[in-house]
Amino acid sequence: MNKRLPSLSKDRLPAAIESILFVADEAVEISLLARALRRPADAIEQALEELQERCAEGGTRLQRTRDTVQLVTAPESGPFVERFLGLESRQRLSGAALESLAIIAYKQPMTRAGVEQVRGVNSDGAIASLIARGLVEEVGRAPGPGRPALLGTTLRFLEHFGLTKPGDLPPLPANGSILDLADGLAEASVSIDEEDDDAVEDETEAEAPAEEEGGAEEPVEDEEAAPAS
């Protein structure tokens, strides 16, 4: 027999969703949340909006892509989480990878051939690097001969660039190439890395004076009492 669930009010729905996302190992489909909580899709959407507002002031963020959602750490907390987990610093993307990523991010879903048509060069290596880093994934198959794979960005992409949803990308330039946006992505990636580094450096510098001030004092020789005359 299935265990009877307690009543769930509208006000408690965001907290219930947060609890589920907290224990989930990966992004959760919104339709699965609706089934698990026995609530219509529009009620889940409204609760997600409320949860996103709550998370904006804390140490986690709500990230969405397509029909999935997950909880991630706030970008500003990244350096401390990485230190705790013993993770290595993130390696920055190459120019070719950033160009390919910009094309996919703004034109998704895109095929490899579509990316290469925009860049004008073979992009197999760049795309393979993006897939290996978890920034890009196959999201479907294009119609036509061979049914080539369609590529799109991932939740890891949003996390890497400090975004909450794909719509947070800066708008396409009115008079420029989409490749110009690769520079913007590069700046975003570098700025996040630099913020992480600065946060760690600031903390280190703040600790240093305390150590110096609280350091060992110079030994003071005990003065022997002068003999009585």
Protein backbone atom coordinates (compact mmCIF):
# COMPACT_ATOMS: atom_id res chain seq x y z
CA MET A 1 0.00 0.00 0.00
CA ASN A 2 1.29 3.45 -0.92
CA LYS A 3 1.94 5.75 2.01
CA ARG A 4 -0.61 8.53 2.24
CA LEU A 5 1.02 11.90 1.57
CA PRO A 6 0.35 14.82 3.92
CA SER A 7 -1.59 17.76 2.55
CA LEU A 8 0.54 20.26 0.64
CA SER A 9 -0.56 23.88 0.60
CA LYS A 10 0.30 26.35 -2.15
CA ASP A 11 2.64 28.19 0.21
CA ARG A 12 4.61 25.01 0.96
CA LEU A 13 4.92 23.90 -2.64
CA PRO A 14 8.20 25.80 -3.35
CA ALA A 15 9.78 24.25 -0.25
CA ALA A 16 8.70 20.76 -1.32
CA ILE A 17 10.23 21.30 -4.75
CA GLU A 18 13.45 22.58 -3.18
CA SER A 19 13.69 19.46 -1.02
CA ILE A 20 13.29 17.19 -4.04
CA LEU A 21 15.89 19.09 -6.06
CA PHE A 22 18.27 19.05 -3.09
CA VAL A 23 18.38 15.24 -2.96
CA ALA A 24 18.27 14.67 -6.74
CA ASP A 25 21.54 13.54 -8.31
CA GLU A 26 20.83 15.37 -11.57
CA ALA A 27 18.41 17.78 -13.21
CA VAL A 28 14.76 16.84 -12.70
CA GLU A 29 12.08 17.01 -15.36
CA ILE A 30 9.35 19.48 -14.48
CA SER A 31 6.72 16.95 -15.53
CA LEU A 32 8.16 14.53 -12.95
CA LEU A 33 7.80 17.17 -10.23
CA ALA A 34 4.17 17.62 -11.22
CA ARG A 35 3.52 13.89 -10.96
CA ALA A 36 5.40 13.45 -7.69
CA LEU A 37 3.66 16.39 -6.01
CA ARG A 38 0.32 15.81 -7.72
CA ARG A 39 0.06 19.38 -8.90
CA PRO A 40 -0.71 20.81 -12.36
CA ALA A 41 2.14 22.13 -14.49
CA ASP A 42 1.13 25.77 -14.06
CA ALA A 43 1.25 25.41 -10.25
CA ILE A 44 4.75 23.91 -10.50
CA GLU A 45 5.88 26.77 -12.77
CA GLN A 46 4.60 29.36 -10.31
CA ALA A 47 6.29 27.61 -7.41
CA LEU A 48 9.57 27.48 -9.35
CA GLU A 49 9.40 31.23 -9.88
CA GLU A 50 8.93 31.76 -6.15
CA LEU A 51 11.77 29.38 -5.35
CA GLN A 52 14.05 31.18 -7.79
CA GLU A 53 13.40 34.47 -5.98
CA ARG A 54 14.17 32.86 -2.63
CA CYS A 55 17.40 31.31 -3.89
CA ALA A 56 18.64 34.66 -5.23
CA GLU A 57 19.46 35.71 -1.66
CA GLY A 58 21.09 32.47 -0.54
CA GLY A 59 23.93 30.14 -1.43
CA THR A 60 22.11 28.19 -4.15
CA ARG A 61 20.61 29.04 -7.52
CA LEU A 62 17.79 27.50 -9.54
CA GLN A 63 18.89 26.62 -13.07
CA ARG A 64 16.55 25.65 -15.88
CA THR A 65 17.03 24.45 -19.42
CA ARG A 66 14.27 23.19 -21.65
CA ASP A 67 12.04 21.03 -19.42
CA THR A 68 14.43 20.33 -16.55
CA VAL A 69 15.49 22.16 -13.40
CA GLN A 70 18.15 21.71 -10.74
CA LEU A 71 19.73 23.38 -7.71
CA VAL A 72 23.35 24.53 -8.03
CA THR A 73 25.71 26.52 -5.86
CA ALA A 74 25.78 30.28 -6.30
CA PRO A 75 28.66 31.44 -8.56
CA GLU A 76 30.12 33.64 -5.81
CA SER A 77 30.38 30.58 -3.56
CA GLY A 78 32.23 28.59 -6.22
CA PRO A 79 35.81 29.10 -4.96
CA PHE A 80 34.91 27.98 -1.44
CA VAL A 81 33.05 24.90 -2.65
CA GLU A 82 35.94 24.01 -4.96
CA ARG A 83 38.42 24.39 -2.11
CA PHE A 84 36.28 22.19 0.16
CA LEU A 85 35.99 19.51 -2.53
CA GLY A 86 39.65 19.78 -3.51
CA LEU A 87 38.81 20.55 -7.14
CA GLU A 88 41.37 21.90 -9.57
CA SER A 89 40.94 25.30 -11.17
CA ARG A 90 38.83 25.35 -14.30
CA GLN A 91 40.74 25.48 -17.54
CA ARG A 92 39.65 28.24 -19.88
CA LEU A 93 38.16 27.43 -23.25
CA SER A 94 40.11 27.87 -26.47
CA GLY A 95 39.07 30.43 -29.07
CA ALA A 96 37.75 27.72 -31.39
CA ALA A 97 35.70 26.17 -28.58
CA LEU A 98 34.27 29.56 -27.60
CA GLU A 99 33.27 30.31 -31.19
CA SER A 100 31.56 26.94 -31.54
CA LEU A 101 29.88 27.37 -28.17
CA ALA A 102 28.57 30.83 -29.08
CA ILE A 103 27.05 29.50 -32.30
CA ILE A 104 25.35 26.59 -30.53
CA ALA A 105 24.16 28.75 -27.63
CA TYR A 106 22.47 31.34 -29.84
CA LYS A 107 21.30 29.12 -32.70
CA GLN A 108 20.46 25.89 -30.88
CA PRO A 109 19.70 23.27 -31.78
CA MET A 110 22.55 23.17 -34.30
CA THR A 111 24.29 20.40 -36.23
CA ARG A 112 28.06 20.09 -36.52
CA ALA A 113 27.76 21.00 -40.19
CA GLY A 114 25.81 24.11 -39.23
CA VAL A 115 28.53 25.19 -36.80
CA GLU A 116 31.23 24.62 -39.41
CA GLN A 117 29.26 26.57 -42.01
CA VAL A 118 29.25 29.63 -39.74
CA ARG A 119 32.89 29.28 -38.67
CA GLY A 120 34.18 28.26 -42.08
CA VAL A 121 36.52 25.61 -40.65
CA ASN A 122 36.33 22.07 -39.31
CA SER A 123 34.97 22.15 -35.76
CA ASP A 124 35.10 18.49 -34.73
CA GLY A 125 37.83 19.04 -32.14
CA ALA A 126 36.18 22.11 -30.63
CA ILE A 127 32.79 20.42 -30.37
CA ALA A 128 34.33 17.27 -28.89
CA SER A 129 35.98 19.46 -26.23
CA LEU A 130 32.65 21.13 -25.41
CA ILE A 131 30.91 17.77 -25.09
CA ALA A 132 33.71 16.40 -22.91
CA ARG A 133 33.38 19.40 -20.59
CA GLY A 134 29.63 18.89 -20.34
CA LEU A 135 28.83 22.29 -21.89
CA VAL A 136 27.11 20.85 -24.98
CA GLU A 137 25.05 17.70 -25.52
CA GLU A 138 23.00 15.97 -28.18
CA VAL A 139 19.37 17.10 -27.92
CA GLY A 140 17.85 15.35 -30.93
CA ARG A 141 18.24 14.42 -34.58
CA ALA A 142 17.77 16.64 -37.61
CA PRO A 143 15.51 15.48 -40.45
CA GLY A 144 17.17 14.57 -43.71
CA PRO A 145 19.87 12.20 -44.95
CA GLY A 146 21.78 10.56 -42.12
CA ARG A 147 19.71 12.37 -39.48
CA PRO A 148 22.69 14.28 -38.02
CA ALA A 149 22.80 15.00 -34.31
CA LEU A 150 21.42 18.30 -33.06
CA LEU A 151 23.49 20.02 -30.36
CA GLY A 152 22.36 22.29 -27.53
CA THR A 153 23.77 23.75 -24.34
CA THR A 154 23.49 22.09 -20.92
CA LEU A 155 22.88 23.12 -17.34
CA ARG A 156 26.64 22.94 -16.87
CA PHE A 157 26.92 25.64 -19.53
CA LEU A 158 24.64 27.89 -17.48
CA GLU A 159 26.65 27.18 -14.34
CA HIS A 160 29.96 27.85 -16.09
CA PHE A 161 28.86 31.29 -17.25
CA GLY A 162 26.84 32.23 -14.18
CA LEU A 163 23.45 32.12 -15.94
CA THR A 164 20.13 30.88 -14.61
CA LYS A 165 18.51 30.15 -17.98
CA PRO A 166 19.48 30.35 -21.69
CA GLY A 167 17.43 33.53 -22.04
CA ASP A 168 19.95 35.35 -19.82
CA LEU A 169 22.47 35.42 -22.68
CA PRO A 170 23.24 38.94 -23.93
CA PRO A 171 21.28 39.90 -27.07
CA LEU A 172 22.75 39.32 -30.52
CA PRO A 173 24.52 42.40 -31.90
CA ALA A 174 22.51 44.34 -34.46
CA ASN A 175 25.46 44.91 -36.78
CA GLY A 176 27.90 42.13 -36.08
CA SER A 177 28.71 38.49 -36.50
CA ILE A 178 27.68 35.82 -34.07
CA LEU A 179 31.38 35.07 -33.74
CA ASP A 180 31.75 38.46 -32.06
CA LEU A 181 29.79 36.97 -29.17
CA ALA A 182 32.58 34.49 -28.56
CA ASP A 183 34.56 37.40 -27.11
CA GLY A 184 31.67 38.13 -24.77
CA LEU A 185 31.53 34.53 -23.63
CA ALA A 186 35.28 34.57 -23.13
CA GLU A 187 35.02 37.70 -20.98
CA ALA A 188 32.19 36.13 -18.97
CA SER A 189 34.20 32.96 -18.41
CA VAL A 190 37.35 34.89 -17.46
CA SER A 191 35.45 37.24 -15.15
CA ILE A 192 33.96 34.29 -13.26
CA ASP A 193 37.39 32.69 -12.92
CA GLU A 194 38.90 35.99 -11.80
CA GLU A 195 36.12 36.57 -9.28
CA ASP A 196 36.77 33.11 -7.89
CA ASP A 197 40.50 33.80 -7.69
CA ASP A 198 39.96 37.26 -6.15
CA ALA A 199 37.62 35.83 -3.53
CA VAL A 200 40.22 33.29 -2.48
CA GLU A 201 43.02 35.90 -2.56
CA ASP A 202 40.99 38.38 -0.53
CA GLU A 203 40.33 35.76 2.10
CA THR A 204 44.00 34.78 2.16
CA GLU A 205 45.09 38.41 2.50
CA ALA A 206 42.56 38.95 5.26
CA GLU A 207 43.96 35.99 7.15
CA ALA A 208 47.60 36.99 6.68
CA PRO A 209 47.62 40.12 8.93
CA ALA A 210 45.87 38.20 11.66
CA GLU A 211 48.60 35.61 11.57
CA GLU A 212 51.26 38.31 11.61
CA GLU A 213 49.62 40.19 14.46
CA GLY A 214 49.11 37.01 16.38
CA GLY A 215 52.55 35.69 15.57
CA ALA A 216 55.18 34.70 18.05
CA GLU A 217 56.50 37.61 20.06
CA GLU A 218 60.19 38.19 20.43
CA PRO A 219 61.46 36.33 23.46
CA VAL A 220 62.15 38.54 26.48
CA GLU A 221 65.06 37.55 28.59
CA ASP A 222 64.31 37.24 32.25
CA GLU A 223 66.19 39.85 34.20
CA GLU A 224 67.92 38.42 37.21
CA ALA A 225 67.47 40.36 40.36
CA ALA A 226 70.52 42.49 41.10
CA PRO A 227 72.43 41.28 44.13
CA ALA A 228 71.79 43.31 47.26
CA SER A 229 74.59 45.71 47.99
